[in-house]
Amino acid sequence: MEAEVKQLRRELKLKDDRCLTAEREVQTLRQYKESHNETEILMSALSAMQDKNTHLENSLSAETRIKLDLFSALGEAKRQLEIHES
């Protein structure tokens, strides 16, 4: 009877150890999942910011071209005015 009790206690200890190991693995997997989800969110935000940056660069480039055209036209108008005044 004592031998059976010792055997059952050993088996119980082994099962408890396996249970603890499984719980640690579950916790590790949960942390991995959370980390993976955070990475996806950050990558999505980065992609959106890159798209906005590209849009702003294109808008700024177009605005710069318009300003250059306006300054060129202003310079031409000044030259024409000087020619007419001379």
PDB file of N, CA and C in Angstrom:
ATOM      1  N   MET A   1       0.818  -1.196   0.000  1.00  0.00           N
ATOM      2  CA  MET A   1       0.000   0.000   0.000  1.00  0.00           C
ATOM      3  C   MET A   1       0.864   1.264   0.000  1.00  0.00           C
ATOM      4  N   GLU A   2       1.914   1.269   0.840  1.00  0.00           N
ATOM      5  CA  GLU A   2       2.809   2.427   0.878  1.00  0.00           C
ATOM      6  C   GLU A   2       3.507   2.627  -0.464  1.00  0.00           C
ATOM      7  N   ALA A   3       3.860   1.538  -1.095  1.00  0.00           N
ATOM      8  CA  ALA A   3       4.506   1.627  -2.402  1.00  0.00           C
ATOM      9  C   ALA A   3       3.563   2.255  -3.423  1.00  0.00           C
ATOM     10  N   GLU A   4       2.296   1.900  -3.350  1.00  0.00           N
ATOM     11  CA  GLU A   4       1.314   2.486  -4.268  1.00  0.00           C
ATOM     12  C   GLU A   4       1.159   3.979  -4.007  1.00  0.00           C
ATOM     13  N   VAL A   5       1.135   4.360  -2.740  1.00  0.00           N
ATOM     14  CA  VAL A   5       1.002   5.776  -2.385  1.00  0.00           C
ATOM     15  C   VAL A   5       2.206   6.553  -2.907  1.00  0.00           C
ATOM     16  N   LYS A   6       3.422   5.992  -2.713  1.00  0.00           N
ATOM     17  CA  LYS A   6       4.634   6.650  -3.215  1.00  0.00           C
ATOM     18  C   LYS A   6       4.581   6.777  -4.737  1.00  0.00           C
ATOM     19  N   GLN A   7       4.152   5.708  -5.389  1.00  0.00           N
ATOM     20  CA  GLN A   7       4.045   5.723  -6.854  1.00  0.00           C
ATOM     21  C   GLN A   7       3.037   6.774  -7.306  1.00  0.00           C
ATOM     22  N   LEU A   8       1.898   6.838  -6.647  1.00  0.00           N
ATOM     23  CA  LEU A   8       0.877   7.823  -7.008  1.00  0.00           C
ATOM     24  C   LEU A   8       1.372   9.252  -6.757  1.00  0.00           C
ATOM     25  N   ARG A   9       2.123   9.439  -5.669  1.00  0.00           N
ATOM     26  CA  ARG A   9       2.680  10.776  -5.396  1.00  0.00           C
ATOM     27  C   ARG A   9       3.691  11.176  -6.462  1.00  0.00           C
ATOM     28  N   ARG A  10       4.528  10.213  -6.893  1.00  0.00           N
ATOM     29  CA  ARG A  10       5.491  10.497  -7.969  1.00  0.00           C
ATOM     30  C   ARG A  10       4.758  10.872  -9.258  1.00  0.00           C
ATOM     31  N   GLU A  11       3.729  10.107  -9.571  1.00  0.00           N
ATOM     32  CA  GLU A  11       2.950  10.397 -10.776  1.00  0.00           C
ATOM     33  C   GLU A  11       2.270  11.759 -10.669  1.00  0.00           C
ATOM     34  N   LEU A  12       1.741  12.050  -9.487  1.00  0.00           N
ATOM     35  CA  LEU A  12       1.112  13.356  -9.279  1.00  0.00           C
ATOM     36  C   LEU A  12       2.130  14.478  -9.457  1.00  0.00           C
ATOM     37  N   LYS A  13       3.329  14.278  -8.912  1.00  0.00           N
ATOM     38  CA  LYS A  13       4.397  15.286  -9.051  1.00  0.00           C
ATOM     39  C   LYS A  13       4.752  15.480 -10.524  1.00  0.00           C
ATOM     40  N   LEU A  14       4.885  14.389 -11.265  1.00  0.00           N
ATOM     41  CA  LEU A  14       5.187  14.479 -12.696  1.00  0.00           C
ATOM     42  C   LEU A  14       4.079  15.215 -13.443  1.00  0.00           C
ATOM     43  N   LYS A  15       2.851  14.900 -13.113  1.00  0.00           N
ATOM     44  CA  LYS A  15       1.716  15.568 -13.775  1.00  0.00           C
ATOM     45  C   LYS A  15       1.705  17.056 -13.438  1.00  0.00           C
ATOM     46  N   ASP A  16       1.982  17.391 -12.173  1.00  0.00           N
ATOM     47  CA  ASP A  16       2.053  18.805 -11.782  1.00  0.00           C
ATOM     48  C   ASP A  16       3.157  19.529 -12.550  1.00  0.00           C
ATOM     49  N   ASP A  17       4.308  18.878 -12.685  1.00  0.00           N
ATOM     50  CA  ASP A  17       5.418  19.477 -13.433  1.00  0.00           C
ATOM     51  C   ASP A  17       5.031  19.693 -14.894  1.00  0.00           C
ATOM     52  N   ARG A  18       4.369  18.711 -15.477  1.00  0.00           N
ATOM     53  CA  ARG A  18       3.922  18.849 -16.872  1.00  0.00           C
ATOM     54  C   ARG A  18       2.907  19.985 -17.005  1.00  0.00           C
ATOM     55  N   CYS A  19       2.031  20.074 -16.024  1.00  0.00           N
ATOM     56  CA  CYS A  19       1.019  21.134 -16.038  1.00  0.00           C
ATOM     57  C   CYS A  19       1.691  22.506 -15.968  1.00  0.00           C
ATOM     58  N   LEU A  20       2.673  22.662 -15.078  1.00  0.00           N
ATOM     59  CA  LEU A  20       3.397  23.936 -14.969  1.00  0.00           C
ATOM     60  C   LEU A  20       4.134  24.268 -16.264  1.00  0.00           C
ATOM     61  N   THR A  21       4.746  23.250 -16.851  1.00  0.00           N
ATOM     62  CA  THR A  21       5.447  23.454 -18.120  1.00  0.00           C
ATOM     63  C   THR A  21       4.469  23.900 -19.204  1.00  0.00           C
ATOM     64  N   ALA A  22       3.312  23.260 -19.260  1.00  0.00           N
ATOM     65  CA  ALA A  22       2.299  23.630 -20.254  1.00  0.00           C
ATOM     66  C   ALA A  22       1.797  25.049 -20.013  1.00  0.00           C
ATOM     67  N   GLU A  23       1.593  25.429 -18.751  1.00  0.00           N
ATOM     68  CA  GLU A  23       1.142  26.790 -18.445  1.00  0.00           C
ATOM     69  C   GLU A  23       2.183  27.828 -18.861  1.00  0.00           C
ATOM     70  N   ARG A  24       3.456  27.515 -18.632  1.00  0.00           N
ATOM     71  CA  ARG A  24       4.524  28.433 -19.070  1.00  0.00           C
ATOM     72  C   ARG A  24       4.530  28.573 -20.590  1.00  0.00           C
ATOM     73  N   GLU A  25       4.342  27.453 -21.270  1.00  0.00           N
ATOM     74  CA  GLU A  25       4.319  27.487 -22.735  1.00  0.00           C
ATOM     75  C   GLU A  25       3.134  28.303 -23.239  1.00  0.00           C
ATOM     76  N   VAL A  26       1.986  28.135 -22.608  1.00  0.00           N
ATOM     77  CA  VAL A  26       0.803  28.918 -22.985  1.00  0.00           C
ATOM     78  C   VAL A  26       1.084  30.407 -22.788  1.00  0.00           C
ATOM     79  N   GLN A  27       1.693  30.757 -21.663  1.00  0.00           N
ATOM     80  CA  GLN A  27       2.018  32.164 -21.394  1.00  0.00           C
ATOM     81  C   GLN A  27       2.987  32.707 -22.443  1.00  0.00           C
ATOM     82  N   THR A  28       3.988  31.914 -22.785  1.00  0.00           N
ATOM     83  CA  THR A  28       4.947  32.328 -23.807  1.00  0.00           C
ATOM     84  C   THR A  28       4.251  32.542 -25.147  1.00  0.00           C
ATOM     85  N   LEU A  29       3.351  31.637 -25.501  1.00  0.00           N
ATOM     86  CA  LEU A  29       2.623  31.769 -26.765  1.00  0.00           C
ATOM     87  C   LEU A  29       1.706  32.990 -26.759  1.00  0.00           C
ATOM     88  N   ARG A  30       1.088  33.280 -25.622  1.00  0.00           N
ATOM     89  CA  ARG A  30       0.245  34.479 -25.529  1.00  0.00           C
ATOM     90  C   ARG A  30       1.077  35.741 -25.724  1.00  0.00           C
ATOM     91  N   GLN A  31       2.249  35.768 -25.089  1.00  0.00           N
ATOM     92  CA  GLN A  31       3.122  36.932 -25.243  1.00  0.00           C
ATOM     93  C   GLN A  31       3.559  37.086 -26.694  1.00  0.00           C
ATOM     94  N   TYR A  32       3.869  35.963 -27.341  1.00  0.00           N
ATOM     95  CA  TYR A  32       4.257  36.012 -28.747  1.00  0.00           C
ATOM     96  C   TYR A  32       3.119  36.560 -29.599  1.00  0.00           C
ATOM     97  N   LYS A  33       1.900  36.076 -29.319  1.00  0.00           N
ATOM     98  CA  LYS A  33       0.734  36.530 -30.087  1.00  0.00           C
ATOM     99  C   LYS A  33       0.524  38.029 -29.902  1.00  0.00           C
ATOM    100  N   GLU A  34       0.603  38.500 -28.656  1.00  0.00           N
ATOM    101  CA  GLU A  34       0.431  39.931 -28.393  1.00  0.00           C
ATOM    102  C   GLU A  34       1.510  40.742 -29.097  1.00  0.00           C
ATOM    103  N   SER A  35       2.731  40.257 -29.034  1.00  0.00           N
ATOM    104  CA  SER A  35       3.841  40.944 -29.692  1.00  0.00           C
ATOM    105  C   SER A  35       3.621  40.988 -31.200  1.00  0.00           C
ATOM    106  N   HIS A  36       3.151  39.878 -31.753  1.00  0.00           N
ATOM    107  CA  HIS A  36       2.907  39.804 -33.198  1.00  0.00           C
ATOM    108  C   HIS A  36       1.807  40.782 -33.603  1.00  0.00           C
ATOM    109  N   ASN A  37       0.739  40.848 -32.800  1.00  0.00           N
ATOM    110  CA  ASN A  37      -0.350  41.777 -33.094  1.00  0.00           C
ATOM    111  C   ASN A  37       0.138  43.219 -33.027  1.00  0.00           C
ATOM    112  N   GLU A  38       0.958  43.543 -32.026  1.00  0.00           N
ATOM    113  CA  GLU A  38       1.500  44.895 -31.914  1.00  0.00           C
ATOM    114  C   GLU A  38       2.371  45.224 -33.121  1.00  0.00           C
ATOM    115  N   THR A  39       3.139  44.249 -33.578  1.00  0.00           N
ATOM    116  CA  THR A  39       3.989  44.455 -34.752  1.00  0.00           C
ATOM    117  C   THR A  39       3.134  44.755 -35.976  1.00  0.00           C
ATOM    118  N   GLU A  40       2.041  44.009 -36.149  1.00  0.00           N
ATOM    119  CA  GLU A  40       1.155  44.255 -37.290  1.00  0.00           C
ATOM    120  C   GLU A  40       0.550  45.654 -37.222  1.00  0.00           C
ATOM    121  N   ILE A  41       0.150  46.071 -36.032  1.00  0.00           N
ATOM    122  CA  ILE A  41      -0.431  47.408 -35.864  1.00  0.00           C
ATOM    123  C   ILE A  41       0.609  48.472 -36.203  1.00  0.00           C
ATOM    124  N   LEU A  42       1.831  48.291 -35.707  1.00  0.00           N
ATOM    125  CA  LEU A  42       2.889  49.267 -35.984  1.00  0.00           C
ATOM    126  C   LEU A  42       3.236  49.307 -37.473  1.00  0.00           C
ATOM    127  N   MET A  43       3.265  48.146 -38.115  1.00  0.00           N
ATOM    128  CA  MET A  43       3.565  48.113 -39.547  1.00  0.00           C
ATOM    129  C   MET A  43       2.462  48.803 -40.343  1.00  0.00           C
ATOM    130  N   SER A  44       1.232  48.618 -39.931  1.00  0.00           N
ATOM    131  CA  SER A  44       0.113  49.279 -40.592  1.00  0.00           C
ATOM    132  C   SER A  44       0.214  50.794 -40.424  1.00  0.00           C
ATOM    133  N   ALA A  45       0.535  51.236 -39.213  1.00  0.00           N
ATOM    134  CA  ALA A  45       0.686  52.672 -38.962  1.00  0.00           C
ATOM    135  C   ALA A  45       1.850  53.233 -39.764  1.00  0.00           C
ATOM    136  N   LEU A  46       2.949  52.492 -39.837  1.00  0.00           N
ATOM    137  CA  LEU A  46       4.106  52.937 -40.614  1.00  0.00           C
ATOM    138  C   LEU A  46       3.746  53.079 -42.086  1.00  0.00           C
ATOM    139  N   SER A  47       3.017  52.115 -42.611  1.00  0.00           N
ATOM    140  CA  SER A  47       2.606  52.170 -44.010  1.00  0.00           C
ATOM    141  C   SER A  47       1.726  53.389 -44.273  1.00  0.00           C
ATOM    142  N   ALA A  48       0.792  53.654 -43.368  1.00  0.00           N
ATOM    143  CA  ALA A  48      -0.081  54.826 -43.524  1.00  0.00           C
ATOM    144  C   ALA A  48       0.734  56.111 -43.482  1.00  0.00           C
ATOM    145  N   MET A  49       1.700  56.190 -42.577  1.00  0.00           N
ATOM    146  CA  MET A  49       2.537  57.390 -42.472  1.00  0.00           C
ATOM    147  C   MET A  49       3.393  57.566 -43.729  1.00  0.00           C
ATOM    148  N   GLN A  50       3.890  56.465 -44.271  1.00  0.00           N
ATOM    149  CA  GLN A  50       4.677  56.549 -45.502  1.00  0.00           C
ATOM    150  C   GLN A  50       3.812  57.046 -46.658  1.00  0.00           C
ATOM    151  N   ASP A  51       2.574  56.577 -46.734  1.00  0.00           N
ATOM    152  CA  ASP A  51       1.656  57.042 -47.778  1.00  0.00           C
ATOM    153  C   ASP A  51       1.390  58.537 -47.635  1.00  0.00           C
ATOM    154  N   LYS A  52       1.144  58.980 -46.401  1.00  0.00           N
ATOM    155  CA  LYS A  52       0.909  60.407 -46.166  1.00  0.00           C
ATOM    156  C   LYS A  52       2.143  61.221 -46.521  1.00  0.00           C
ATOM    157  N   ASN A  53       3.321  60.707 -46.171  1.00  0.00           N
ATOM    158  CA  ASN A  53       4.566  61.405 -46.475  1.00  0.00           C
ATOM    159  C   ASN A  53       4.748  61.550 -47.985  1.00  0.00           C
ATOM    160  N   THR A  54       4.470  60.490 -48.715  1.00  0.00           N
ATOM    161  CA  THR A  54       4.576  60.537 -50.174  1.00  0.00           C
ATOM    162  C   THR A  54       3.602  61.565 -50.745  1.00  0.00           C
ATOM    163  N   HIS A  55       2.381  61.561 -50.232  1.00  0.00           N
ATOM    164  CA  HIS A  55       1.374  62.525 -50.690  1.00  0.00           C
ATOM    165  C   HIS A  55       1.838  63.958 -50.409  1.00  0.00           C
ATOM    166  N   LEU A  56       2.367  64.195 -49.211  1.00  0.00           N
ATOM    167  CA  LEU A  56       2.839  65.540 -48.869  1.00  0.00           C
ATOM    168  C   LEU A  56       4.018  65.956 -49.743  1.00  0.00           C
ATOM    169  N   GLU A  57       4.928  65.021 -50.013  1.00  0.00           N
ATOM    170  CA  GLU A  57       6.062  65.333 -50.885  1.00  0.00           C
ATOM    171  C   GLU A  57       5.575  65.720 -52.278  1.00  0.00           C
ATOM    172  N   ASN A  58       4.604  64.968 -52.797  1.00  0.00           N
ATOM    173  CA  ASN A  58       4.068  65.275 -54.125  1.00  0.00           C
ATOM    174  C   ASN A  58       3.361  66.629 -54.133  1.00  0.00           C
ATOM    175  N   SER A  59       2.598  66.907 -53.085  1.00  0.00           N
ATOM    176  CA  SER A  59       1.900  68.190 -52.996  1.00  0.00           C
ATOM    177  C   SER A  59       2.892  69.340 -52.908  1.00  0.00           C
ATOM    178  N   LEU A  60       3.928  69.160 -52.101  1.00  0.00           N
ATOM    179  CA  LEU A  60       4.941  70.202 -51.949  1.00  0.00           C
ATOM    180  C   LEU A  60       5.679  70.436 -53.261  1.00  0.00           C
ATOM    181  N   SER A  61       5.964  69.373 -53.972  1.00  0.00           N
ATOM    182  CA  SER A  61       6.642  69.500 -55.258  1.00  0.00           C
ATOM    183  C   SER A  61       5.771  70.272 -56.247  1.00  0.00           C
ATOM    184  N   ALA A  62       4.483  69.956 -56.288  1.00  0.00           N
ATOM    185  CA  ALA A  62       3.571  70.666 -57.189  1.00  0.00           C
ATOM    186  C   ALA A  62       3.464  72.134 -56.789  1.00  0.00           C
ATOM    187  N   GLU A  63       3.390  72.401 -55.492  1.00  0.00           N
ATOM    188  CA  GLU A  63       3.304  73.782 -55.012  1.00  0.00           C
ATOM    189  C   GLU A  63       4.566  74.557 -55.385  1.00  0.00           C
ATOM    190  N   THR A  64       5.703  73.916 -55.266  1.00  0.00           N
ATOM    191  CA  THR A  64       6.968  74.566 -55.618  1.00  0.00           C
ATOM    192  C   THR A  64       7.005  74.901 -57.105  1.00  0.00           C
ATOM    193  N   ARG A  65       6.532  73.984 -57.949  1.00  0.00           N
ATOM    194  CA  ARG A  65       6.502  74.259 -59.396  1.00  0.00           C
ATOM    195  C   ARG A  65       5.596  75.450 -59.702  1.00  0.00           C
ATOM    196  N   ILE A  66       4.445  75.514 -59.039  1.00  0.00           N
ATOM    197  CA  ILE A  66       3.519  76.637 -59.257  1.00  0.00           C
ATOM    198  C   ILE A  66       4.175  77.946 -58.838  1.00  0.00           C
ATOM    199  N   LYS A  67       4.836  77.943 -57.686  1.00  0.00           N
ATOM    200  CA  LYS A  67       5.508  79.159 -57.219  1.00  0.00           C
ATOM    201  C   LYS A  67       6.595  79.593 -58.196  1.00  0.00           C
ATOM    202  N   LEU A  68       7.356  78.630 -58.702  1.00  0.00           N
ATOM    203  CA  LEU A  68       8.393  78.973 -59.675  1.00  0.00           C
ATOM    204  C   LEU A  68       7.774  79.582 -60.931  1.00  0.00           C
ATOM    205  N   ASP A  69       6.664  79.005 -61.386  1.00  0.00           N
ATOM    206  CA  ASP A  69       5.972  79.557 -62.554  1.00  0.00           C
ATOM    207  C   ASP A  69       5.473  80.974 -62.274  1.00  0.00           C
ATOM    208  N   LEU A  70       4.934  81.189 -61.076  1.00  0.00           N
ATOM    209  CA  LEU A  70       4.437  82.526 -60.723  1.00  0.00           C
ATOM    210  C   LEU A  70       5.568  83.551 -60.658  1.00  0.00           C
ATOM    211  N   PHE A  71       6.687  83.167 -60.042  1.00  0.00           N
ATOM    212  CA  PHE A  71       7.819  84.096 -59.979  1.00  0.00           C
ATOM    213  C   PHE A  71       8.385  84.373 -61.366  1.00  0.00           C
ATOM    214  N   SER A  72       8.384  83.365 -62.213  1.00  0.00           N
ATOM    215  CA  SER A  72       8.843  83.559 -63.586  1.00  0.00           C
ATOM    216  C   SER A  72       7.919  84.531 -64.317  1.00  0.00           C
ATOM    217  N   ALA A  73       6.601  84.344 -64.153  1.00  0.00           N
ATOM    218  CA  ALA A  73       5.636  85.243 -64.792  1.00  0.00           C
ATOM    219  C   ALA A  73       5.762  86.650 -64.224  1.00  0.00           C
ATOM    220  N   LEU A  74       5.990  86.769 -62.925  1.00  0.00           N
ATOM    221  CA  LEU A  74       6.170  88.084 -62.309  1.00  0.00           C
ATOM    222  C   LEU A  74       7.411  88.771 -62.867  1.00  0.00           C
ATOM    223  N   GLY A  75       8.488  88.010 -62.996  1.00  0.00           N
ATOM    224  CA  GLY A  75       9.712  88.576 -63.575  1.00  0.00           C
ATOM    225  C   GLY A  75       9.491  89.030 -65.008  1.00  0.00           C
ATOM    226  N   GLU A  76       8.776  88.223 -65.773  1.00  0.00           N
ATOM    227  CA  GLU A  76       8.481  88.590 -67.164  1.00  0.00           C
ATOM    228  C   GLU A  76       7.608  89.839 -67.219  1.00  0.00           C
ATOM    229  N   ALA A  77       6.614  89.922 -66.328  1.00  0.00           N
ATOM    230  CA  ALA A  77       5.745  91.105 -66.292  1.00  0.00           C
ATOM    231  C   ALA A  77       6.550  92.345 -65.937  1.00  0.00           C
ATOM    232  N   LYS A  78       7.479  92.226 -65.003  1.00  0.00           N
ATOM    233  CA  LYS A  78       8.326  93.372 -64.642  1.00  0.00           C
ATOM    234  C   LYS A  78       9.178  93.805 -65.825  1.00  0.00           C
ATOM    235  N   ARG A  79       9.734  92.831 -66.549  1.00  0.00           N
ATOM    236  CA  ARG A  79      10.545  93.181 -67.725  1.00  0.00           C
ATOM    237  C   ARG A  79       9.698  93.886 -68.784  1.00  0.00           C
ATOM    238  N   GLN A  80       8.486  93.364 -69.015  1.00  0.00           N
ATOM    239  CA  GLN A  80       7.601  93.993 -69.997  1.00  0.00           C
ATOM    240  C   GLN A  80       7.236  95.411 -69.565  1.00  0.00           C
ATOM    241  N   LEU A  81       6.992  95.599 -68.274  1.00  0.00           N
ATOM    242  CA  LEU A  81       6.661  96.921 -67.750  1.00  0.00           C
ATOM    243  C   LEU A  81       7.835  97.875 -67.929  1.00  0.00           C
ATOM    244  N   GLU A  82       9.048  97.400 -67.659  1.00  0.00           N
ATOM    245  CA  GLU A  82      10.239  98.238 -67.833  1.00  0.00           C
ATOM    246  C   GLU A  82      10.431  98.603 -69.302  1.00  0.00           C
ATOM    247  N   ILE A  83      10.137  97.653 -70.182  1.00  0.00           N
ATOM    248  CA  ILE A  83      10.275  97.931 -71.624  1.00  0.00           C
ATOM    249  C   ILE A  83       9.272  98.992 -72.046  1.00  0.00           C
ATOM    250  N   HIS A  84       8.030  98.896 -71.574  1.00  0.00           N
ATOM    251  CA  HIS A  84       7.002  99.873 -71.938  1.00  0.00           C
ATOM    252  C   HIS A  84       7.303 101.244 -71.350  1.00  0.00           C
ATOM    253  N   GLU A  85       7.927 101.292 -70.179  1.00  0.00           N
ATOM    254  CA  GLU A  85       8.228 102.573 -69.545  1.00  0.00           C
ATOM    255  C   GLU A  85       9.435 103.241 -70.184  1.00  0.00           C
ATOM    256  N   SER A  86      10.279 102.476 -70.853  1.00  0.00           N
ATOM    257  CA  SER A  86      11.482 103.060 -71.447  1.00  0.00           C
ATOM    258  C   SER A  86      11.223 103.749 -72.747  1.00  0.00           C
TER     259      SER A  86
END
